[in-house]
């Protein structure tokens, strides 16, 4: 019984955390938006920096997947070339 409890404890804890944490993350959005809007209205540039940061975070997963895909493709091509040389 104890091993069954230990087996399910970590996934259950992670599920609970994933269900609770978006509430805390969502609470910051209005504050950030109000700060950026008031800063831009007063002639500041912090709102533009916030927008650039969002675009940076948005693009990173695509860049990472692209790099991993390229490295994988290059290694597979080298393996195929070596295999073709060994056969010939």
N, C-alpha and C. Protein backbone atom coordinates (compact mmCIF):
# COMPACT_ATOMS: atom_id res chain seq x y z
N UNK A 1 0.82 -1.20 0.00
CA UNK A 1 0.00 0.00 0.00
C UNK A 1 0.86 1.27 0.00
N UNK A 2 1.96 1.24 0.77
CA UNK A 2 2.82 2.43 0.84
C UNK A 2 3.50 2.70 -0.50
N UNK A 3 3.92 1.65 -1.21
CA UNK A 3 4.56 1.87 -2.50
C UNK A 3 3.57 2.43 -3.51
N UNK A 4 2.32 1.99 -3.42
CA UNK A 4 1.29 2.53 -4.31
C UNK A 4 1.05 4.00 -4.01
N UNK A 5 1.07 4.37 -2.74
CA UNK A 5 0.89 5.77 -2.36
C UNK A 5 2.06 6.61 -2.85
N UNK A 6 3.28 6.11 -2.69
CA UNK A 6 4.46 6.83 -3.16
C UNK A 6 4.46 6.98 -4.68
N UNK A 7 3.97 5.96 -5.35
CA UNK A 7 3.94 5.97 -6.81
C UNK A 7 3.02 7.06 -7.33
N UNK A 8 1.92 7.31 -6.68
CA UNK A 8 0.94 8.28 -7.13
C UNK A 8 1.09 9.66 -6.50
N UNK A 9 1.94 9.78 -5.48
CA UNK A 9 2.06 11.04 -4.76
C UNK A 9 2.65 12.16 -5.63
N UNK A 10 3.74 11.90 -6.34
CA UNK A 10 4.38 12.93 -7.15
C UNK A 10 3.49 13.38 -8.31
N UNK A 11 2.92 12.46 -9.11
CA UNK A 11 2.03 12.94 -10.18
C UNK A 11 0.82 13.70 -9.65
N UNK A 12 0.28 13.27 -8.52
CA UNK A 12 -0.87 13.96 -7.94
C UNK A 12 -0.47 15.35 -7.47
N UNK A 13 0.67 15.47 -6.85
CA UNK A 13 1.16 16.77 -6.39
C UNK A 13 1.41 17.71 -7.58
N UNK A 14 2.01 17.19 -8.65
CA UNK A 14 2.24 18.01 -9.83
C UNK A 14 0.93 18.46 -10.47
N UNK A 15 -0.05 17.58 -10.50
CA UNK A 15 -1.35 17.94 -11.06
C UNK A 15 -2.00 19.06 -10.25
N UNK A 16 -1.95 18.95 -8.94
CA UNK A 16 -2.53 19.98 -8.07
C UNK A 16 -1.81 21.31 -8.27
N UNK A 17 -0.47 21.28 -8.35
CA UNK A 17 0.28 22.51 -8.57
C UNK A 17 -0.05 23.15 -9.91
N UNK A 18 -0.19 22.32 -10.95
CA UNK A 18 -0.53 22.87 -12.26
C UNK A 18 -1.92 23.47 -12.29
N UNK A 19 -2.81 22.95 -11.48
CA UNK A 19 -4.16 23.50 -11.43
C UNK A 19 -4.23 24.77 -10.60
N UNK A 20 -3.34 24.92 -9.62
CA UNK A 20 -3.36 26.08 -8.73
C UNK A 20 -2.53 27.24 -9.28
N UNK A 21 -1.37 26.97 -9.87
CA UNK A 21 -0.45 28.02 -10.28
C UNK A 21 -0.99 28.99 -11.33
N UNK A 22 -1.81 28.59 -12.28
CA UNK A 22 -2.32 29.59 -13.22
C UNK A 22 -3.12 30.70 -12.53
N UNK A 23 -3.72 30.43 -11.40
CA UNK A 23 -4.43 31.47 -10.67
C UNK A 23 -3.47 32.58 -10.24
N UNK A 24 -2.30 32.20 -9.78
CA UNK A 24 -1.33 33.19 -9.33
C UNK A 24 -0.73 33.93 -10.52
N UNK A 25 -0.47 33.25 -11.62
CA UNK A 25 0.11 33.89 -12.80
C UNK A 25 -0.87 34.87 -13.42
N UNK A 26 -2.13 34.51 -13.43
CA UNK A 26 -3.16 35.38 -14.02
C UNK A 26 -3.34 36.66 -13.21
N UNK A 27 -3.07 36.61 -11.93
CA UNK A 27 -3.26 37.78 -11.07
C UNK A 27 -2.28 38.89 -11.42
N UNK A 28 -1.16 38.58 -12.03
CA UNK A 28 -0.16 39.60 -12.36
C UNK A 28 -0.46 40.32 -13.66
N UNK A 29 -1.24 39.75 -14.52
CA UNK A 29 -1.48 40.35 -15.84
C UNK A 29 -2.08 41.76 -15.77
N UNK A 30 -3.11 42.01 -14.99
CA UNK A 30 -3.65 43.37 -14.93
C UNK A 30 -2.64 44.39 -14.39
N UNK A 31 -1.83 43.96 -13.43
CA UNK A 31 -0.83 44.89 -12.88
C UNK A 31 0.19 45.26 -13.93
N UNK A 32 0.67 44.29 -14.66
CA UNK A 32 1.66 44.57 -15.71
C UNK A 32 1.06 45.46 -16.78
N UNK A 33 -0.16 45.18 -17.16
CA UNK A 33 -0.80 45.96 -18.21
C UNK A 33 -1.00 47.41 -17.77
N UNK A 34 -1.46 47.60 -16.54
CA UNK A 34 -1.68 48.97 -16.05
C UNK A 34 -0.36 49.73 -15.95
N UNK A 35 0.69 49.06 -15.49
CA UNK A 35 1.99 49.71 -15.37
C UNK A 35 2.53 50.10 -16.74
N UNK A 36 2.42 49.18 -17.70
CA UNK A 36 2.92 49.47 -19.05
C UNK A 36 2.12 50.60 -19.70
N UNK A 37 0.81 50.58 -19.55
CA UNK A 37 -0.02 51.62 -20.16
C UNK A 37 0.25 52.98 -19.55
N UNK A 38 0.37 53.04 -18.22
CA UNK A 38 0.62 54.33 -17.58
C UNK A 38 2.01 54.84 -17.92
N UNK A 39 2.97 53.94 -18.04
CA UNK A 39 4.33 54.35 -18.39
C UNK A 39 4.38 54.90 -19.81
N UNK A 40 3.71 54.22 -20.74
CA UNK A 40 3.70 54.70 -22.13
C UNK A 40 2.95 56.02 -22.24
N UNK A 41 1.89 56.19 -21.46
CA UNK A 41 1.12 57.43 -21.50
C UNK A 41 1.95 58.61 -21.00
N UNK A 42 2.88 58.35 -20.07
CA UNK A 42 3.73 59.39 -19.52
C UNK A 42 5.02 59.57 -20.33
N UNK A 43 5.12 58.90 -21.46
CA UNK A 43 6.30 59.08 -22.32
C UNK A 43 7.43 58.12 -22.04
N UNK A 44 7.23 57.14 -21.19
CA UNK A 44 8.29 56.18 -20.87
C UNK A 44 8.42 55.10 -21.94
N UNK A 45 9.48 54.33 -21.85
CA UNK A 45 9.74 53.27 -22.82
C UNK A 45 9.67 51.88 -22.20
N UNK A 46 9.29 51.75 -20.95
CA UNK A 46 9.24 50.45 -20.30
C UNK A 46 8.21 49.53 -20.94
N UNK A 47 7.12 50.09 -21.42
CA UNK A 47 6.10 49.28 -22.09
C UNK A 47 6.63 48.64 -23.35
N UNK A 48 7.46 49.37 -24.09
CA UNK A 48 8.07 48.82 -25.30
C UNK A 48 9.02 47.69 -24.93
N UNK A 49 9.76 47.86 -23.84
CA UNK A 49 10.65 46.80 -23.38
C UNK A 49 9.87 45.56 -22.97
N UNK A 50 8.72 45.77 -22.37
CA UNK A 50 7.86 44.65 -21.98
C UNK A 50 7.38 43.90 -23.22
N UNK A 51 6.99 44.63 -24.24
CA UNK A 51 6.57 44.00 -25.49
C UNK A 51 7.71 43.23 -26.14
N UNK A 52 8.90 43.78 -26.14
CA UNK A 52 10.06 43.08 -26.70
C UNK A 52 10.36 41.81 -25.92
N UNK A 53 10.24 41.87 -24.61
CA UNK A 53 10.46 40.69 -23.77
C UNK A 53 9.45 39.59 -24.07
N UNK A 54 8.21 39.98 -24.31
CA UNK A 54 7.17 39.00 -24.64
C UNK A 54 7.49 38.34 -25.98
N UNK A 55 7.90 39.13 -26.97
CA UNK A 55 8.25 38.56 -28.27
C UNK A 55 9.46 37.64 -28.17
N UNK A 56 10.42 38.01 -27.34
CA UNK A 56 11.60 37.17 -27.12
C UNK A 56 11.20 35.83 -26.53
N UNK A 57 10.35 35.85 -25.50
CA UNK A 57 9.91 34.59 -24.89
C UNK A 57 9.06 33.77 -25.85
N UNK A 58 8.31 34.43 -26.70
CA UNK A 58 7.48 33.73 -27.66
C UNK A 58 8.32 33.02 -28.72
N UNK A 59 9.41 33.63 -29.14
CA UNK A 59 10.22 33.06 -30.20
C UNK A 59 11.19 31.98 -29.76
N UNK A 60 11.60 31.97 -28.51
CA UNK A 60 12.62 31.03 -28.06
C UNK A 60 12.25 29.55 -28.27
N UNK A 61 11.04 29.11 -27.99
CA UNK A 61 10.75 27.69 -28.24
C UNK A 61 10.90 27.31 -29.71
N UNK A 62 10.52 28.20 -30.62
CA UNK A 62 10.65 27.91 -32.05
C UNK A 62 12.12 27.85 -32.47
N UNK A 63 12.93 28.75 -31.94
CA UNK A 63 14.35 28.73 -32.25
C UNK A 63 14.98 27.45 -31.70
N UNK A 64 14.64 27.09 -30.49
CA UNK A 64 15.19 25.88 -29.88
C UNK A 64 14.81 24.63 -30.66
N UNK A 65 13.55 24.52 -31.06
CA UNK A 65 13.11 23.36 -31.84
C UNK A 65 13.80 23.35 -33.20
N UNK A 66 13.98 24.52 -33.80
CA UNK A 66 14.67 24.60 -35.08
C UNK A 66 16.12 24.14 -34.99
N UNK A 67 16.82 24.57 -33.94
CA UNK A 67 18.22 24.17 -33.77
C UNK A 67 18.31 22.66 -33.53
N UNK A 68 17.46 22.14 -32.67
CA UNK A 68 17.47 20.70 -32.40
C UNK A 68 17.16 19.92 -33.68
N UNK A 69 16.19 20.38 -34.46
CA UNK A 69 15.85 19.71 -35.71
C UNK A 69 17.00 19.75 -36.71
N UNK A 70 17.70 20.87 -36.81
CA UNK A 70 18.83 20.98 -37.72
C UNK A 70 19.96 20.05 -37.32
N UNK A 71 20.27 20.01 -36.02
CA UNK A 71 21.34 19.12 -35.54
C UNK A 71 20.97 17.67 -35.80
N UNK A 72 19.72 17.33 -35.55
CA UNK A 72 19.27 15.96 -35.79
C UNK A 72 19.38 15.63 -37.28
N UNK A 73 18.93 16.51 -38.15
CA UNK A 73 18.99 16.28 -39.59
C UNK A 73 20.43 16.12 -40.07
N UNK A 74 21.33 16.99 -39.57
CA UNK A 74 22.73 16.94 -39.98
C UNK A 74 23.38 15.63 -39.55
N UNK A 75 23.10 15.17 -38.32
CA UNK A 75 23.67 13.92 -37.85
C UNK A 75 23.12 12.73 -38.63
N UNK A 76 21.85 12.75 -38.95
CA UNK A 76 21.26 11.65 -39.73
C UNK A 76 21.87 11.61 -41.13
N UNK A 77 22.11 12.77 -41.72
CA UNK A 77 22.71 12.83 -43.05
C UNK A 77 24.14 12.28 -43.03
N UNK A 78 24.92 12.64 -42.00
CA UNK A 78 26.29 12.13 -41.88
C UNK A 78 26.28 10.62 -41.70
N UNK A 79 25.35 10.10 -40.90
CA UNK A 79 25.25 8.65 -40.71
C UNK A 79 24.93 7.96 -42.01
N UNK A 80 24.03 8.54 -42.80
CA UNK A 80 23.66 7.94 -44.08
C UNK A 80 24.85 7.95 -45.03
N UNK A 81 25.64 9.02 -45.05
CA UNK A 81 26.82 9.09 -45.90
C UNK A 81 27.85 8.06 -45.49
N UNK A 82 28.09 7.90 -44.20
CA UNK A 82 29.04 6.89 -43.71
C UNK A 82 28.58 5.49 -44.04
N UNK A 83 27.30 5.26 -43.91
CA UNK A 83 26.74 3.94 -44.23
C UNK A 83 26.87 3.66 -45.72
N UNK A 84 26.66 4.66 -46.57
CA UNK A 84 26.79 4.49 -48.02
C UNK A 84 28.25 4.21 -48.39
N UNK A 85 29.21 4.85 -47.70
CA UNK A 85 30.62 4.60 -47.96
C UNK A 85 31.02 3.19 -47.55
N UNK A 86 30.48 2.70 -46.43
CA UNK A 86 30.80 1.37 -45.94
C UNK A 86 30.22 0.28 -46.84
N UNK A 87 29.09 0.53 -47.45
CA UNK A 87 28.46 -0.44 -48.32
C UNK A 87 29.20 -0.52 -49.64
N UNK A 88 29.66 0.61 -50.12
CA UNK A 88 30.32 0.65 -51.44
C UNK A 88 31.70 0.11 -51.43
